[in-house]
Amino acid sequence: MARILITTGPTREYLDPVRFISNASSGKMGAALIAAAQLRGHETIVVSGPVRIEYPAATKLIWVNTTDEMLQACEQHFPDCDGLIGAAAPCDYRASEIANHKIRKTGEPLQLTLVETPDIVASLGKRKRRDQWTVGFALETEDAHFRAITKLQQKSCDLVVLNGPQAIDADENSIQIINATGHIVAAHQGPKIDLAHQIIKVIESQLISAQL
């Protein structure tokens, strides 16, 4: 049995007290991974952005809003885990300045300066111990396989799960699981709960068994 840290859902980056940048991530894939991992006997620690779905009851759950908050929670709990599944969709950018008051309409264009947020999976991948592993997700719209391998290498992942924009808020999906050498070790299509079981099986065979 492994103790697995799972990130899930979107994050929010605020522009002012009431407006924020985010994305349409629903947390459905994360919920499926949590359920599959628990059914297969693993312990899960979950760091989730704001979602409307319910996660499995037997879940240690840490709620966060921003990417920085998600990173801080992961940095706190990752040292006590065997591995990470980074299924969340954190915002890649945040406003360089957050307005203290609600931004009012002026009739003129509003210009925003955005800066990159920390890369959570990459940050944890760089500091993982030799007995830890990390699995990332890559949602790509073009040159998908090449970009997924690039992400895998840049983020120091042991596996990456490749999918496309059709995955967002969907009940079904199509995935490829790519290993550290760039080879596709599994490809599946179907309900997300079935895909989650396949992902956990690959993690068990390629990563968890290697720790035993």
N, C-alpha and C. Protein backbone atom coordinates (compact mmCIF):
# COMPACT_ATOMS: atom_id res chain seq x y z
N MET A 1 0.84 -1.20 0.00
CA MET A 1 0.00 0.00 0.00
C MET A 1 0.88 1.25 0.00
N ALA A 2 0.47 2.24 -0.76
CA ALA A 2 1.22 3.49 -0.84
C ALA A 2 0.39 4.63 -0.28
N ARG A 3 1.08 5.64 0.18
CA ARG A 3 0.41 6.90 0.57
C ARG A 3 0.62 7.86 -0.59
N ILE A 4 -0.48 8.27 -1.22
CA ILE A 4 -0.42 9.04 -2.45
C ILE A 4 -1.01 10.43 -2.25
N LEU A 5 -0.25 11.44 -2.61
CA LEU A 5 -0.73 12.81 -2.62
C LEU A 5 -1.35 13.08 -3.99
N ILE A 6 -2.60 13.52 -4.01
CA ILE A 6 -3.31 13.78 -5.26
C ILE A 6 -3.77 15.23 -5.28
N THR A 7 -3.40 15.96 -6.33
CA THR A 7 -3.94 17.31 -6.51
C THR A 7 -5.06 17.24 -7.54
N THR A 8 -6.07 18.08 -7.36
CA THR A 8 -7.24 18.00 -8.22
C THR A 8 -7.96 19.35 -8.26
N GLY A 9 -8.73 19.53 -9.34
CA GLY A 9 -9.51 20.76 -9.48
C GLY A 9 -8.69 21.92 -10.01
N PRO A 10 -9.34 23.08 -10.18
CA PRO A 10 -8.65 24.28 -10.65
C PRO A 10 -8.11 25.10 -9.49
N THR A 11 -7.41 26.14 -9.79
CA THR A 11 -7.10 27.16 -8.80
C THR A 11 -7.66 28.49 -9.30
N ARG A 12 -7.69 29.47 -8.42
CA ARG A 12 -8.18 30.81 -8.76
C ARG A 12 -7.09 31.83 -8.47
N GLU A 13 -6.92 32.77 -9.39
CA GLU A 13 -5.99 33.87 -9.19
C GLU A 13 -6.77 35.17 -9.29
N TYR A 14 -6.84 35.89 -8.19
CA TYR A 14 -7.74 37.04 -8.10
C TYR A 14 -7.18 38.28 -8.77
N LEU A 15 -8.10 39.03 -9.41
CA LEU A 15 -7.79 40.34 -9.98
C LEU A 15 -8.16 41.46 -9.02
N ASP A 16 -9.24 41.22 -8.28
CA ASP A 16 -9.73 42.14 -7.25
C ASP A 16 -10.51 41.29 -6.25
N PRO A 17 -11.16 41.86 -5.26
CA PRO A 17 -11.84 41.03 -4.25
C PRO A 17 -12.94 40.13 -4.78
N VAL A 18 -13.46 40.38 -5.99
CA VAL A 18 -14.60 39.58 -6.49
C VAL A 18 -14.35 38.90 -7.83
N ARG A 19 -13.28 39.22 -8.52
CA ARG A 19 -13.02 38.64 -9.84
C ARG A 19 -11.73 37.82 -9.80
N PHE A 20 -11.72 36.76 -10.60
CA PHE A 20 -10.53 35.92 -10.63
C PHE A 20 -10.37 35.26 -11.99
N ILE A 21 -9.14 34.81 -12.28
CA ILE A 21 -8.83 33.98 -13.43
C ILE A 21 -8.89 32.52 -12.98
N SER A 22 -9.49 31.67 -13.79
CA SER A 22 -9.55 30.25 -13.45
C SER A 22 -9.73 29.45 -14.73
N ASN A 23 -10.17 28.21 -14.60
CA ASN A 23 -10.44 27.38 -15.77
C ASN A 23 -11.60 26.44 -15.43
N ALA A 24 -11.98 25.63 -16.40
CA ALA A 24 -13.19 24.81 -16.26
C ALA A 24 -12.95 23.44 -15.66
N SER A 25 -11.79 23.21 -15.07
CA SER A 25 -11.52 21.92 -14.45
C SER A 25 -12.58 21.61 -13.39
N SER A 26 -13.15 20.41 -13.46
CA SER A 26 -14.26 20.04 -12.57
C SER A 26 -13.82 19.22 -11.37
N GLY A 27 -12.62 18.61 -11.44
CA GLY A 27 -12.18 17.71 -10.39
C GLY A 27 -12.66 16.28 -10.57
N LYS A 28 -13.36 15.99 -11.68
CA LYS A 28 -13.91 14.64 -11.89
C LYS A 28 -12.81 13.59 -12.01
N MET A 29 -11.73 13.91 -12.73
CA MET A 29 -10.64 12.94 -12.87
C MET A 29 -9.96 12.72 -11.53
N GLY A 30 -9.79 13.80 -10.78
CA GLY A 30 -9.20 13.67 -9.46
C GLY A 30 -10.04 12.80 -8.55
N ALA A 31 -11.36 13.00 -8.58
CA ALA A 31 -12.27 12.20 -7.75
C ALA A 31 -12.19 10.72 -8.14
N ALA A 32 -12.10 10.46 -9.45
CA ALA A 32 -11.99 9.07 -9.91
C ALA A 32 -10.68 8.45 -9.44
N LEU A 33 -9.59 9.20 -9.50
CA LEU A 33 -8.30 8.69 -9.06
C LEU A 33 -8.30 8.40 -7.56
N ILE A 34 -8.93 9.28 -6.79
CA ILE A 34 -9.03 9.07 -5.35
C ILE A 34 -9.78 7.77 -5.06
N ALA A 35 -10.94 7.61 -5.72
CA ALA A 35 -11.76 6.42 -5.50
C ALA A 35 -11.01 5.15 -5.91
N ALA A 36 -10.35 5.19 -7.07
CA ALA A 36 -9.62 4.02 -7.55
C ALA A 36 -8.46 3.66 -6.62
N ALA A 37 -7.73 4.67 -6.18
CA ALA A 37 -6.60 4.42 -5.28
C ALA A 37 -7.06 3.81 -3.97
N GLN A 38 -8.15 4.34 -3.42
CA GLN A 38 -8.64 3.83 -2.15
C GLN A 38 -9.18 2.40 -2.30
N LEU A 39 -9.89 2.13 -3.40
CA LEU A 39 -10.41 0.79 -3.62
C LEU A 39 -9.29 -0.24 -3.77
N ARG A 40 -8.13 0.23 -4.24
CA ARG A 40 -7.01 -0.68 -4.43
C ARG A 40 -6.09 -0.71 -3.20
N GLY A 41 -6.56 -0.09 -2.10
CA GLY A 41 -5.88 -0.23 -0.83
C GLY A 41 -4.87 0.84 -0.48
N HIS A 42 -4.81 1.90 -1.26
CA HIS A 42 -3.85 2.96 -1.00
C HIS A 42 -4.46 4.07 -0.14
N GLU A 43 -3.62 4.76 0.58
CA GLU A 43 -4.04 5.92 1.36
C GLU A 43 -3.88 7.16 0.50
N THR A 44 -4.85 8.06 0.57
CA THR A 44 -4.79 9.27 -0.24
C THR A 44 -4.83 10.52 0.63
N ILE A 45 -4.00 11.48 0.26
CA ILE A 45 -4.06 12.83 0.81
C ILE A 45 -4.36 13.75 -0.37
N VAL A 46 -5.42 14.52 -0.29
CA VAL A 46 -5.92 15.26 -1.44
C VAL A 46 -5.84 16.76 -1.20
N VAL A 47 -5.25 17.46 -2.16
CA VAL A 47 -5.23 18.92 -2.15
C VAL A 47 -6.08 19.37 -3.32
N SER A 48 -7.19 20.04 -3.03
CA SER A 48 -8.16 20.39 -4.08
C SER A 48 -8.43 21.88 -4.13
N GLY A 49 -8.51 22.37 -5.36
CA GLY A 49 -9.04 23.70 -5.58
C GLY A 49 -10.56 23.66 -5.50
N PRO A 50 -11.22 24.81 -5.70
CA PRO A 50 -12.68 24.88 -5.55
C PRO A 50 -13.43 24.11 -6.64
N VAL A 51 -14.18 23.10 -6.22
CA VAL A 51 -15.01 22.30 -7.13
C VAL A 51 -16.38 22.09 -6.50
N ARG A 52 -17.34 21.68 -7.32
CA ARG A 52 -18.71 21.45 -6.83
C ARG A 52 -19.02 19.97 -6.66
N ILE A 53 -18.11 19.10 -7.04
CA ILE A 53 -18.36 17.68 -6.88
C ILE A 53 -17.99 17.24 -5.47
N GLU A 54 -18.42 16.03 -5.12
CA GLU A 54 -18.06 15.47 -3.82
C GLU A 54 -16.97 14.43 -4.01
N TYR A 55 -16.00 14.45 -3.11
CA TYR A 55 -14.93 13.47 -3.14
C TYR A 55 -15.32 12.28 -2.25
N PRO A 56 -14.68 11.12 -2.46
CA PRO A 56 -14.97 9.96 -1.60
C PRO A 56 -14.83 10.31 -0.13
N ALA A 57 -15.68 9.69 0.68
CA ALA A 57 -15.78 10.08 2.09
C ALA A 57 -14.48 9.85 2.86
N ALA A 58 -13.81 8.76 2.60
CA ALA A 58 -12.61 8.42 3.37
C ALA A 58 -11.39 9.12 2.78
N THR A 59 -11.44 10.44 2.75
CA THR A 59 -10.38 11.22 2.11
C THR A 59 -9.89 12.30 3.06
N LYS A 60 -8.57 12.34 3.25
CA LYS A 60 -7.98 13.47 3.96
C LYS A 60 -7.88 14.60 2.95
N LEU A 61 -8.66 15.66 3.15
CA LEU A 61 -8.86 16.68 2.13
C LEU A 61 -8.40 18.04 2.61
N ILE A 62 -7.57 18.69 1.82
CA ILE A 62 -7.12 20.05 2.10
C ILE A 62 -7.64 20.95 0.99
N TRP A 63 -8.47 21.91 1.35
CA TRP A 63 -9.03 22.84 0.37
C TRP A 63 -8.12 24.05 0.19
N VAL A 64 -7.93 24.47 -1.05
CA VAL A 64 -7.14 25.65 -1.34
C VAL A 64 -7.85 26.46 -2.43
N ASN A 65 -7.39 27.70 -2.63
CA ASN A 65 -7.93 28.54 -3.70
C ASN A 65 -6.88 28.84 -4.76
N THR A 66 -5.75 29.38 -4.35
CA THR A 66 -4.75 29.85 -5.31
C THR A 66 -3.69 28.78 -5.58
N THR A 67 -2.92 29.03 -6.62
CA THR A 67 -1.82 28.12 -6.95
C THR A 67 -0.77 28.12 -5.85
N ASP A 68 -0.46 29.28 -5.30
CA ASP A 68 0.51 29.35 -4.20
C ASP A 68 0.03 28.53 -3.00
N GLU A 69 -1.26 28.61 -2.70
CA GLU A 69 -1.80 27.83 -1.58
C GLU A 69 -1.70 26.33 -1.86
N MET A 70 -1.97 25.94 -3.11
CA MET A 70 -1.86 24.52 -3.47
C MET A 70 -0.42 24.05 -3.34
N LEU A 71 0.52 24.86 -3.79
CA LEU A 71 1.93 24.50 -3.68
C LEU A 71 2.36 24.37 -2.22
N GLN A 72 1.94 25.31 -1.38
CA GLN A 72 2.31 25.27 0.03
C GLN A 72 1.77 24.01 0.71
N ALA A 73 0.52 23.66 0.39
CA ALA A 73 -0.07 22.45 0.98
C ALA A 73 0.67 21.20 0.50
N CYS A 74 1.03 21.17 -0.78
CA CYS A 74 1.75 20.02 -1.31
C CYS A 74 3.14 19.91 -0.69
N GLU A 75 3.82 21.04 -0.54
CA GLU A 75 5.14 21.02 0.07
C GLU A 75 5.09 20.52 1.51
N GLN A 76 3.98 20.78 2.18
CA GLN A 76 3.83 20.33 3.56
C GLN A 76 3.62 18.82 3.64
N HIS A 77 2.83 18.27 2.71
CA HIS A 77 2.43 16.86 2.83
C HIS A 77 3.24 15.91 1.97
N PHE A 78 3.88 16.38 0.92
CA PHE A 78 4.61 15.48 0.02
C PHE A 78 5.73 14.71 0.71
N PRO A 79 6.48 15.30 1.65
CA PRO A 79 7.55 14.53 2.30
C PRO A 79 7.07 13.27 3.01
N ASP A 80 5.79 13.23 3.40
CA ASP A 80 5.25 12.08 4.10
C ASP A 80 4.55 11.09 3.17
N CYS A 81 4.66 11.32 1.85
CA CYS A 81 3.97 10.48 0.87
C CYS A 81 4.98 9.71 0.03
N ASP A 82 4.50 8.62 -0.57
CA ASP A 82 5.33 7.83 -1.47
C ASP A 82 5.39 8.45 -2.86
N GLY A 83 4.32 9.12 -3.23
CA GLY A 83 4.29 9.70 -4.57
C GLY A 83 3.20 10.73 -4.73
N LEU A 84 3.22 11.38 -5.89
CA LEU A 84 2.28 12.44 -6.23
C LEU A 84 1.60 12.12 -7.55
N ILE A 85 0.29 12.32 -7.61
CA ILE A 85 -0.44 12.35 -8.87
C ILE A 85 -0.97 13.77 -9.04
N GLY A 86 -0.39 14.51 -9.98
CA GLY A 86 -0.77 15.91 -10.17
C GLY A 86 -1.88 16.04 -11.19
N ALA A 87 -3.11 15.79 -10.75
CA ALA A 87 -4.26 15.84 -11.66
C ALA A 87 -4.94 17.20 -11.65
N ALA A 88 -4.48 18.12 -10.82
CA ALA A 88 -5.09 19.45 -10.77
C ALA A 88 -4.74 20.24 -12.02
N ALA A 89 -5.50 21.31 -12.23
CA ALA A 89 -5.24 22.24 -13.34
C ALA A 89 -5.00 23.63 -12.76
N PRO A 90 -3.85 23.84 -12.13
CA PRO A 90 -3.58 25.14 -11.54
C PRO A 90 -3.46 26.23 -12.61
N CYS A 91 -3.83 27.44 -12.27
CA CYS A 91 -3.66 28.56 -13.19
C CYS A 91 -2.18 28.75 -13.50
N ASP A 92 -1.86 28.97 -14.75
CA ASP A 92 -0.47 29.20 -15.15
C ASP A 92 -0.04 30.65 -14.92
N TYR A 93 -1.02 31.54 -14.80
CA TYR A 93 -0.71 32.97 -14.65
C TYR A 93 -1.55 33.59 -13.54
N ARG A 94 -1.03 34.67 -12.97
CA ARG A 94 -1.76 35.49 -12.01
C ARG A 94 -1.49 36.96 -12.31
N ALA A 95 -2.34 37.81 -11.80
CA ALA A 95 -2.14 39.25 -12.00
C ALA A 95 -0.91 39.71 -11.23
N SER A 96 -0.14 40.59 -11.84
CA SER A 96 1.06 41.11 -11.15
C SER A 96 0.68 41.94 -9.94
N GLU A 97 -0.53 42.54 -9.98
CA GLU A 97 -1.04 43.29 -8.84
C GLU A 97 -2.51 42.98 -8.66
N ILE A 98 -2.93 42.82 -7.42
CA ILE A 98 -4.35 42.57 -7.12
C ILE A 98 -4.95 43.86 -6.58
N ALA A 99 -6.02 44.33 -7.21
CA ALA A 99 -6.67 45.57 -6.77
C ALA A 99 -7.30 45.38 -5.40
N ASN A 100 -7.18 46.36 -4.54
CA ASN A 100 -7.77 46.29 -3.20
C ASN A 100 -9.28 46.44 -3.22
N HIS A 101 -9.81 47.09 -4.25
CA HIS A 101 -11.25 47.33 -4.37
C HIS A 101 -11.72 46.80 -5.71
N LYS A 102 -13.02 46.59 -5.83
CA LYS A 102 -13.60 46.12 -7.08
C LYS A 102 -13.24 47.05 -8.23
N ILE A 103 -12.73 46.46 -9.31
CA ILE A 103 -12.36 47.26 -10.48
C ILE A 103 -13.63 47.76 -11.16
N ARG A 104 -13.76 49.07 -11.33
CA ARG A 104 -14.96 49.67 -11.90
C ARG A 104 -14.83 49.86 -13.41
N LYS A 105 -15.96 49.81 -14.10
CA LYS A 105 -15.97 50.12 -15.52
C LYS A 105 -15.68 51.61 -15.72
N THR A 106 -14.87 51.89 -16.74
CA THR A 106 -14.55 53.29 -17.06
C THR A 106 -14.90 53.64 -18.49
N GLY A 107 -15.31 52.65 -19.28
CA GLY A 107 -15.53 52.89 -20.70
C GLY A 107 -14.28 52.74 -21.53
N GLU A 108 -13.15 52.49 -20.87
CA GLU A 108 -11.87 52.34 -21.55
C GLU A 108 -11.39 50.89 -21.43
N PRO A 109 -10.54 50.43 -22.35
CA PRO A 109 -9.98 49.08 -22.25
C PRO A 109 -9.21 48.91 -20.93
N LEU A 110 -9.29 47.72 -20.38
CA LEU A 110 -8.56 47.40 -19.16
C LEU A 110 -7.36 46.53 -19.52
N GLN A 111 -6.20 46.97 -19.14
CA GLN A 111 -4.99 46.21 -19.42
C GLN A 111 -4.52 45.51 -18.15
N LEU A 112 -4.23 44.22 -18.28
CA LEU A 112 -3.74 43.43 -17.16
C LEU A 112 -2.33 42.93 -17.47
N THR A 113 -1.48 42.94 -16.48
CA THR A 113 -0.16 42.33 -16.60
C THR A 113 -0.18 41.02 -15.82
N LEU A 114 0.09 39.94 -16.52
CA LEU A 114 0.07 38.62 -15.90
C LEU A 114 1.48 38.08 -15.78
N VAL A 115 1.76 37.40 -14.69
CA VAL A 115 3.05 36.76 -14.46
C VAL A 115 2.80 35.28 -14.18
N GLU A 116 3.80 34.45 -14.44
CA GLU A 116 3.65 33.02 -14.25
C GLU A 116 3.53 32.64 -12.78
N THR A 117 2.71 31.64 -12.52
CA THR A 117 2.61 31.07 -11.18
C THR A 117 3.63 29.93 -11.04
N PRO A 118 3.91 29.49 -9.83
CA PRO A 118 4.83 28.35 -9.66
C PRO A 118 4.27 27.08 -10.31
N ASP A 119 5.15 26.23 -10.81
CA ASP A 119 4.76 24.94 -11.36
C ASP A 119 4.83 23.92 -10.22
N ILE A 120 3.69 23.45 -9.78
CA ILE A 120 3.62 22.60 -8.59
C ILE A 120 4.31 21.25 -8.81
N VAL A 121 3.97 20.59 -9.91
CA VAL A 121 4.56 19.26 -10.17
C VAL A 121 6.07 19.37 -10.36
N ALA A 122 6.51 20.40 -11.09
CA ALA A 122 7.95 20.59 -11.29
C ALA A 122 8.65 20.88 -9.98
N SER A 123 8.04 21.69 -9.13
CA SER A 123 8.65 22.03 -7.85
C SER A 123 8.84 20.79 -6.98
N LEU A 124 7.82 19.94 -6.95
CA LEU A 124 7.91 18.72 -6.15
C LEU A 124 8.83 17.69 -6.81
N GLY A 125 8.82 17.66 -8.15
CA GLY A 125 9.68 16.72 -8.86
C GLY A 125 11.15 16.97 -8.60
N LYS A 126 11.50 18.25 -8.46
CA LYS A 126 12.90 18.60 -8.24
C LYS A 126 13.38 18.22 -6.84
N ARG A 127 12.45 18.15 -5.89
CA ARG A 127 12.86 17.89 -4.50
C ARG A 127 12.47 16.50 -4.01
N LYS A 128 11.94 15.65 -4.90
CA LYS A 128 11.54 14.31 -4.45
C LYS A 128 12.76 13.49 -4.08
N ARG A 129 12.57 12.62 -3.11
CA ARG A 129 13.63 11.70 -2.71
C ARG A 129 13.75 10.58 -3.74
N ARG A 130 14.80 9.82 -3.63
CA ARG A 130 15.01 8.72 -4.58
C ARG A 130 13.95 7.64 -4.45
N ASP A 131 13.29 7.58 -3.28
CA ASP A 131 12.24 6.58 -3.07
C ASP A 131 10.84 7.15 -3.32
N GLN A 132 10.76 8.34 -3.91
CA GLN A 132 9.47 8.94 -4.24
C GLN A 132 9.30 9.03 -5.75
N TRP A 133 8.06 9.15 -6.19
CA TRP A 133 7.76 9.28 -7.61
C TRP A 133 6.72 10.37 -7.83
N THR A 134 6.67 10.89 -9.05
CA THR A 134 5.67 11.90 -9.41
C THR A 134 5.06 11.55 -10.76
N VAL A 135 3.76 11.74 -10.85
CA VAL A 135 3.01 11.51 -12.09
C VAL A 135 2.28 12.81 -12.44
N GLY A 136 2.51 13.30 -13.64
CA GLY A 136 1.88 14.53 -14.07
C GLY A 136 0.81 14.27 -15.12
N PHE A 137 0.03 15.31 -15.40
CA PHE A 137 -0.95 15.28 -16.48
C PHE A 137 -0.57 16.34 -17.50
N ALA A 138 -0.77 16.04 -18.77
CA ALA A 138 -0.52 17.00 -19.84
C ALA A 138 -1.77 17.09 -20.70
N LEU A 139 -2.39 18.26 -20.72
CA LEU A 139 -3.53 18.51 -21.60
C LEU A 139 -3.02 19.34 -22.77
N GLU A 140 -3.02 18.74 -23.94
CA GLU A 140 -2.41 19.39 -25.10
C GLU A 140 -3.40 19.48 -26.26
N THR A 141 -3.20 20.51 -27.10
CA THR A 141 -4.06 20.72 -28.27
C THR A 141 -3.30 20.54 -29.58
N GLU A 142 -1.96 20.52 -29.54
CA GLU A 142 -1.16 20.33 -30.75
C GLU A 142 0.18 19.71 -30.36
N ASP A 143 0.78 18.98 -31.31
CA ASP A 143 2.05 18.29 -31.06
C ASP A 143 2.00 17.59 -29.70
N ALA A 144 0.90 16.88 -29.47
CA ALA A 144 0.57 16.39 -28.13
C ALA A 144 1.65 15.49 -27.54
N HIS A 145 2.10 14.49 -28.30
CA HIS A 145 3.08 13.54 -27.75
C HIS A 145 4.40 14.24 -27.44
N PHE A 146 4.86 15.07 -28.35
CA PHE A 146 6.12 15.80 -28.13
C PHE A 146 6.03 16.71 -26.92
N ARG A 147 4.94 17.45 -26.82
CA ARG A 147 4.79 18.39 -25.70
C ARG A 147 4.65 17.64 -24.37
N ALA A 148 4.00 16.49 -24.40
CA ALA A 148 3.86 15.70 -23.17
C ALA A 148 5.22 15.20 -22.69
N ILE A 149 6.05 14.74 -23.62
CA ILE A 149 7.39 14.27 -23.24
C ILE A 149 8.22 15.43 -22.71
N THR A 150 8.09 16.59 -23.36
CA THR A 150 8.82 17.77 -22.89
C THR A 150 8.42 18.12 -21.46
N LYS A 151 7.12 18.09 -21.18
CA LYS A 151 6.65 18.36 -19.83
C LYS A 151 7.16 17.32 -18.84
N LEU A 152 7.11 16.07 -19.24
CA LEU A 152 7.60 15.00 -18.37
C LEU A 152 9.04 15.26 -17.95
N GLN A 153 9.87 15.65 -18.91
CA GLN A 153 11.28 15.90 -18.61
C GLN A 153 11.47 17.16 -17.79
N GLN A 154 10.77 18.24 -18.15
CA GLN A 154 10.92 19.51 -17.45
C GLN A 154 10.43 19.43 -16.01
N LYS A 155 9.43 18.59 -15.78
CA LYS A 155 8.83 18.49 -14.45
C LYS A 155 9.42 17.34 -13.63
N SER A 156 10.40 16.63 -14.20
CA SER A 156 11.05 15.50 -13.51
C SER A 156 10.04 14.43 -13.11
N CYS A 157 9.09 14.15 -14.01
CA CYS A 157 8.06 13.14 -13.73
C CYS A 157 8.56 11.74 -14.07
N ASP A 158 7.96 10.76 -13.43
CA ASP A 158 8.23 9.37 -13.75
C ASP A 158 7.24 8.84 -14.79
N LEU A 159 6.05 9.39 -14.80
CA LEU A 159 5.04 9.11 -15.81
C LEU A 159 4.28 10.40 -16.09
N VAL A 160 3.70 10.49 -17.30
CA VAL A 160 2.80 11.59 -17.60
C VAL A 160 1.57 11.02 -18.30
N VAL A 161 0.41 11.55 -17.95
CA VAL A 161 -0.86 11.13 -18.55
C VAL A 161 -1.26 12.19 -19.55
N LEU A 162 -1.31 11.82 -20.81
CA LEU A 162 -1.63 12.76 -21.89
C LEU A 162 -3.11 12.68 -22.23
N ASN A 163 -3.76 13.84 -22.29
CA ASN A 163 -5.14 13.91 -22.77
C ASN A 163 -5.34 15.24 -23.48
N GLY A 164 -6.57 15.49 -23.94
CA GLY A 164 -6.87 16.69 -24.69
C GLY A 164 -7.96 17.51 -24.05
N PRO A 165 -8.36 18.62 -24.69
CA PRO A 165 -9.36 19.52 -24.10
C PRO A 165 -10.73 18.88 -23.92
N GLN A 166 -10.99 17.77 -24.62
CA GLN A 166 -12.27 17.08 -24.45
C GLN A 166 -12.41 16.50 -23.05
N ALA A 167 -11.31 16.47 -22.29
CA ALA A 167 -11.35 15.92 -20.94
C ALA A 167 -12.04 16.84 -19.95
N ILE A 168 -12.09 18.13 -20.26
CA ILE A 168 -12.55 19.12 -19.29
C ILE A 168 -14.03 18.92 -18.96
N ASP A 169 -14.31 18.69 -17.69
CA ASP A 169 -15.68 18.54 -17.17
C ASP A 169 -16.45 17.42 -17.86
N ALA A 170 -15.75 16.45 -18.42
CA ALA A 170 -16.40 15.33 -19.10
C ALA A 170 -16.43 14.11 -18.18
N ASP A 171 -17.35 13.20 -18.46
CA ASP A 171 -17.43 11.96 -17.70
C ASP A 171 -16.55 10.87 -18.30
N GLU A 172 -16.21 11.03 -19.59
CA GLU A 172 -15.35 10.07 -20.27
C GLU A 172 -14.14 10.81 -20.86
N ASN A 173 -13.11 10.05 -21.18
CA ASN A 173 -11.89 10.67 -21.69
C ASN A 173 -11.08 9.63 -22.46
N SER A 174 -10.05 10.09 -23.13
CA SER A 174 -9.11 9.23 -23.83
C SER A 174 -7.70 9.64 -23.38
N ILE A 175 -6.90 8.68 -22.94
CA ILE A 175 -5.58 9.00 -22.39
C ILE A 175 -4.49 8.11 -22.96
N GLN A 176 -3.28 8.61 -22.89
CA GLN A 176 -2.08 7.82 -23.09
C GLN A 176 -1.19 8.01 -21.87
N ILE A 177 -0.59 6.94 -21.40
CA ILE A 177 0.34 7.03 -20.26
C ILE A 177 1.75 6.83 -20.82
N ILE A 178 2.60 7.82 -20.59
CA ILE A 178 3.95 7.84 -21.17
C ILE A 178 4.98 7.74 -20.06
N ASN A 179 5.97 6.88 -20.24
CA ASN A 179 6.98 6.69 -19.20
C ASN A 179 8.16 7.65 -19.38
N ALA A 180 9.14 7.55 -18.52
CA ALA A 180 10.24 8.50 -18.48
C ALA A 180 11.12 8.43 -19.72
N THR A 181 11.06 7.34 -20.48
CA THR A 181 11.84 7.23 -21.70
C THR A 181 11.06 7.70 -22.93
N GLY A 182 9.81 8.17 -22.71
CA GLY A 182 9.01 8.69 -23.80
C GLY A 182 8.15 7.67 -24.50
N HIS A 183 8.09 6.45 -23.98
CA HIS A 183 7.30 5.40 -24.61
C HIS A 183 5.88 5.36 -24.02
N ILE A 184 4.91 5.09 -24.88
CA ILE A 184 3.53 4.93 -24.43
C ILE A 184 3.39 3.54 -23.82
N VAL A 185 3.11 3.48 -22.54
CA VAL A 185 3.00 2.18 -21.86
C VAL A 185 1.56 1.72 -21.75
N ALA A 186 0.60 2.64 -21.97
CA ALA A 186 -0.81 2.27 -21.93
C ALA A 186 -1.62 3.35 -22.63
N ALA A 187 -2.72 2.94 -23.25
CA ALA A 187 -3.64 3.88 -23.89
C ALA A 187 -5.06 3.36 -23.65
N HIS A 188 -5.93 4.23 -23.16
CA HIS A 188 -7.28 3.79 -22.81
C HIS A 188 -8.29 4.89 -23.14
N GLN A 189 -9.52 4.47 -23.35
CA GLN A 189 -10.63 5.39 -23.58
C GLN A 189 -11.85 4.85 -22.85
N GLY A 190 -12.61 5.74 -22.21
CA GLY A 190 -13.80 5.31 -21.52
C GLY A 190 -14.14 6.20 -20.35
N PRO A 191 -15.02 5.74 -19.45
CA PRO A 191 -15.38 6.52 -18.26
C PRO A 191 -14.15 6.83 -17.41
N LYS A 192 -14.16 7.97 -16.78
CA LYS A 192 -12.98 8.38 -16.02
C LYS A 192 -12.65 7.44 -14.87
N ILE A 193 -13.65 6.80 -14.28
CA ILE A 193 -13.35 5.87 -13.19
C ILE A 193 -12.58 4.67 -13.72
N ASP A 194 -12.90 4.21 -14.95
CA ASP A 194 -12.15 3.11 -15.55
C ASP A 194 -10.72 3.55 -15.87
N LEU A 195 -10.59 4.76 -16.39
CA LEU A 195 -9.26 5.28 -16.70
C LEU A 195 -8.43 5.42 -15.43
N ALA A 196 -9.08 5.85 -14.35
CA ALA A 196 -8.37 6.02 -13.08
C ALA A 196 -7.80 4.69 -12.60
N HIS A 197 -8.59 3.61 -12.72
CA HIS A 197 -8.08 2.30 -12.31
C HIS A 197 -6.89 1.89 -13.18
N GLN A 198 -6.95 2.19 -14.47
CA GLN A 198 -5.83 1.85 -15.35
C GLN A 198 -4.59 2.65 -14.98
N ILE A 199 -4.76 3.93 -14.64
CA ILE A 199 -3.63 4.76 -14.24
C ILE A 199 -2.99 4.21 -12.96
N ILE A 200 -3.83 3.88 -11.98
CA ILE A 200 -3.30 3.36 -10.72
C ILE A 200 -2.60 2.03 -10.95
N LYS A 201 -3.13 1.18 -11.83
CA LYS A 201 -2.49 -0.10 -12.13
C LYS A 201 -1.09 0.11 -12.70
N VAL A 202 -0.95 1.08 -13.62
CA VAL A 202 0.36 1.35 -14.21
C VAL A 202 1.31 1.89 -13.15
N ILE A 203 0.81 2.77 -12.29
CA ILE A 203 1.64 3.30 -11.20
C ILE A 203 2.10 2.17 -10.29
N GLU A 204 1.19 1.24 -9.99
CA GLU A 204 1.55 0.10 -9.12
C GLU A 204 2.64 -0.75 -9.76
N SER A 205 2.49 -1.04 -11.04
CA SER A 205 3.41 -1.96 -11.70
C SER A 205 4.77 -1.31 -11.99
N GLN A 206 4.76 -0.02 -12.31
CA GLN A 206 6.00 0.62 -12.76
C GLN A 206 6.69 1.43 -11.67
N LEU A 207 5.95 1.90 -10.68
CA LEU A 207 6.54 2.79 -9.69
C LEU A 207 6.48 2.23 -8.27
N ILE A 208 5.31 1.80 -7.83
CA ILE A 208 5.19 1.33 -6.46
C ILE A 208 5.92 0.00 -6.26
N SER A 209 5.80 -0.91 -7.21
CA SER A 209 6.49 -2.20 -7.08
C SER A 209 7.99 -2.03 -7.07
N ALA A 210 8.47 -0.97 -7.73
CA ALA A 210 9.91 -0.73 -7.79
C ALA A 210 10.46 -0.27 -6.44
N GLN A 211 9.55 0.20 -5.56
CA GLN A 211 9.96 0.65 -4.23
C GLN A 211 10.05 -0.50 -3.25
N LEU A 212 9.43 -1.62 -3.58
CA LEU A 212 9.34 -2.74 -2.62
C LEU A 212 10.61 -3.58 -2.63
